[in-house]
Amino acid sequence: MSLRPSSDHRLPASGKNYVHDPAKGEIRVSDGRRVAAYSEVFIRHLHDDLTQESGDGARQVLYQCGYEWGLQEMVDLAHRLRAKPGDGTQDLW
């Protein structure tokens, strides 16, 4: 496994614009929410360290984090689809 990042560092396809304020140490998306940016190397090391420290418990922690992140992304997408002008048939659930 290479430690070289393979992530695409361009703006995401979702169209979110990021605003970086180095003086405050903040990164925010266009709707004002504060976000964190971590390198792929950091995430890999975090995964390895969690696995070493807690064994099988790390799998549950990582699963729950991914589940919550995905759920929040789906809620955000649903709100954006409802706010988009159209015939109102763009609901996800």
C-alpha atoms as a PDB file:
ATOM      1  CA  MET A   1       0.000   0.000   0.000  1.00  0.00           C
ATOM      2  CA  SER A   2       1.473   3.310  -1.091  1.00  0.00           C
ATOM      3  CA  LEU A   3       1.440   6.274   1.272  1.00  0.00           C
ATOM      4  CA  ARG A   4       1.223   8.634  -1.700  1.00  0.00           C
ATOM      5  CA  PRO A   5      -2.171  10.414  -1.690  1.00  0.00           C
ATOM      6  CA  SER A   6      -4.408   9.394  -4.565  1.00  0.00           C
ATOM      7  CA  SER A   7      -7.223  11.844  -3.855  1.00  0.00           C
ATOM      8  CA  ASP A   8      -8.355  14.335  -6.444  1.00  0.00           C
ATOM      9  CA  HIS A   9      -7.796  17.762  -4.897  1.00  0.00           C
ATOM     10  CA  ARG A  10     -10.112  19.674  -7.238  1.00  0.00           C
ATOM     11  CA  LEU A  11     -13.435  21.005  -6.010  1.00  0.00           C
ATOM     12  CA  PRO A  12     -15.919  18.162  -5.491  1.00  0.00           C
ATOM     13  CA  ALA A  13     -18.588  17.368  -8.071  1.00  0.00           C
ATOM     14  CA  SER A  14     -21.229  18.513  -5.580  1.00  0.00           C
ATOM     15  CA  GLY A  15     -20.284  22.096  -6.443  1.00  0.00           C
ATOM     16  CA  LYS A  16     -19.480  23.082  -2.881  1.00  0.00           C
ATOM     17  CA  ASN A  17     -17.154  26.050  -2.712  1.00  0.00           C
ATOM     18  CA  TYR A  18     -14.648  26.078   0.096  1.00  0.00           C
ATOM     19  CA  VAL A  19     -13.492  29.269   1.802  1.00  0.00           C
ATOM     20  CA  HIS A  20     -10.191  29.062   3.659  1.00  0.00           C
ATOM     21  CA  ASP A  21      -9.363  31.646   6.339  1.00  0.00           C
ATOM     22  CA  PRO A  22      -5.770  31.022   7.479  1.00  0.00           C
ATOM     23  CA  ALA A  23      -5.955  33.741  10.142  1.00  0.00           C
ATOM     24  CA  LYS A  24      -8.771  31.874  11.915  1.00  0.00           C
ATOM     25  CA  GLY A  25      -7.587  28.414  10.871  1.00  0.00           C
ATOM     26  CA  GLU A  26     -10.980  27.683   9.303  1.00  0.00           C
ATOM     27  CA  ILE A  27     -12.306  26.036   6.192  1.00  0.00           C
ATOM     28  CA  ARG A  28     -15.993  26.604   5.490  1.00  0.00           C
ATOM     29  CA  VAL A  29     -18.387  25.549   2.759  1.00  0.00           C
ATOM     30  CA  SER A  30     -20.548  28.100   0.990  1.00  0.00           C
ATOM     31  CA  ASP A  31     -23.455  27.608   3.419  1.00  0.00           C
ATOM     32  CA  GLY A  32     -21.235  28.611   6.365  1.00  0.00           C
ATOM     33  CA  ARG A  33     -20.635  25.180   7.898  1.00  0.00           C
ATOM     34  CA  ARG A  34     -17.111  24.606   9.172  1.00  0.00           C
ATOM     35  CA  VAL A  35     -15.349  21.559   7.725  1.00  0.00           C
ATOM     36  CA  ALA A  36     -12.073  19.770   8.326  1.00  0.00           C
ATOM     37  CA  ALA A  37      -9.596  18.671   5.689  1.00  0.00           C
ATOM     38  CA  TYR A  38      -7.407  15.643   6.334  1.00  0.00           C
ATOM     39  CA  SER A  39      -4.914  14.021   4.020  1.00  0.00           C
ATOM     40  CA  GLU A  40      -5.361  10.464   2.845  1.00  0.00           C
ATOM     41  CA  VAL A  41      -2.133   9.577   4.660  1.00  0.00           C
ATOM     42  CA  PHE A  42      -3.569  10.889   7.944  1.00  0.00           C
ATOM     43  CA  ILE A  43      -6.768   8.853   7.516  1.00  0.00           C
ATOM     44  CA  ARG A  44      -4.783   5.695   6.740  1.00  0.00           C
ATOM     45  CA  HIS A  45      -2.609   6.165   9.832  1.00  0.00           C
ATOM     46  CA  LEU A  46      -5.675   6.865  11.957  1.00  0.00           C
ATOM     47  CA  HIS A  47      -7.217   3.622  10.717  1.00  0.00           C
ATOM     48  CA  ASP A  48      -4.026   1.664  11.468  1.00  0.00           C
ATOM     49  CA  ASP A  49      -3.678   3.181  14.944  1.00  0.00           C
ATOM     50  CA  LEU A  50      -7.324   2.543  15.820  1.00  0.00           C
ATOM     51  CA  THR A  51      -6.962  -1.063  14.722  1.00  0.00           C
ATOM     52  CA  GLN A  52      -3.811  -1.535  16.800  1.00  0.00           C
ATOM     53  CA  GLU A  53      -5.332   0.050  19.902  1.00  0.00           C
ATOM     54  CA  SER A  54      -8.808  -1.426  19.857  1.00  0.00           C
ATOM     55  CA  GLY A  55      -8.735  -4.392  17.486  1.00  0.00           C
ATOM     56  CA  ASP A  56     -12.201  -5.361  16.287  1.00  0.00           C
ATOM     57  CA  GLY A  57     -13.738  -2.328  18.016  1.00  0.00           C
ATOM     58  CA  ALA A  58     -12.070  -0.121  15.401  1.00  0.00           C
ATOM     59  CA  ARG A  59     -14.248  -1.639  12.694  1.00  0.00           C
ATOM     60  CA  GLN A  60     -17.406  -0.582  14.531  1.00  0.00           C
ATOM     61  CA  VAL A  61     -16.064   2.932  15.200  1.00  0.00           C
ATOM     62  CA  LEU A  62     -15.068   3.432  11.561  1.00  0.00           C
ATOM     63  CA  TYR A  63     -18.355   1.984  10.308  1.00  0.00           C
ATOM     64  CA  GLN A  64     -20.379   4.295  12.546  1.00  0.00           C
ATOM     65  CA  CYS A  65     -18.347   7.348  11.475  1.00  0.00           C
ATOM     66  CA  GLY A  66     -18.861   6.496   7.808  1.00  0.00           C
ATOM     67  CA  TYR A  67     -22.556   5.816   8.335  1.00  0.00           C
ATOM     68  CA  GLU A  68     -23.129   9.137  10.106  1.00  0.00           C
ATOM     69  CA  TRP A  69     -21.135  11.035   7.477  1.00  0.00           C
ATOM     70  CA  GLY A  70     -23.115   9.397   4.665  1.00  0.00           C
ATOM     71  CA  LEU A  71     -26.413  10.092   6.403  1.00  0.00           C
ATOM     72  CA  GLN A  72     -25.571  13.785   6.808  1.00  0.00           C
ATOM     73  CA  GLU A  73     -24.581  13.982   3.127  1.00  0.00           C
ATOM     74  CA  MET A  74     -27.920  12.418   2.117  1.00  0.00           C
ATOM     75  CA  VAL A  75     -29.877  14.837   4.330  1.00  0.00           C
ATOM     76  CA  ASP A  76     -27.955  17.755   2.803  1.00  0.00           C
ATOM     77  CA  LEU A  77     -28.629  16.468  -0.714  1.00  0.00           C
ATOM     78  CA  ALA A  78     -32.335  16.021   0.034  1.00  0.00           C
ATOM     79  CA  HIS A  79     -32.563  19.629   1.256  1.00  0.00           C
ATOM     80  CA  ARG A  80     -30.783  20.908  -1.848  1.00  0.00           C
ATOM     81  CA  LEU A  81     -33.074  18.908  -4.140  1.00  0.00           C
ATOM     82  CA  ARG A  82     -36.193  20.223  -2.398  1.00  0.00           C
ATOM     83  CA  ALA A  83     -34.911  23.794  -2.716  1.00  0.00           C
ATOM     84  CA  LYS A  84     -34.212  23.366  -6.440  1.00  0.00           C
ATOM     85  CA  PRO A  85     -36.915  24.800  -8.673  1.00  0.00           C
ATOM     86  CA  GLY A  86     -38.872  22.217 -10.627  1.00  0.00           C
ATOM     87  CA  ASP A  87     -41.865  19.960 -10.459  1.00  0.00           C
ATOM     88  CA  GLY A  88     -41.201  18.758  -6.886  1.00  0.00           C
ATOM     89  CA  THR A  89     -40.531  15.140  -7.848  1.00  0.00           C
ATOM     90  CA  GLN A  90     -36.855  15.175  -6.859  1.00  0.00           C
ATOM     91  CA  ASP A  91     -37.379  13.825  -3.346  1.00  0.00           C
ATOM     92  CA  LEU A  92     -34.991  11.056  -2.272  1.00  0.00           C
ATOM     93  CA  TRP A  93     -37.247   9.469   0.332  1.00  0.00           C
END
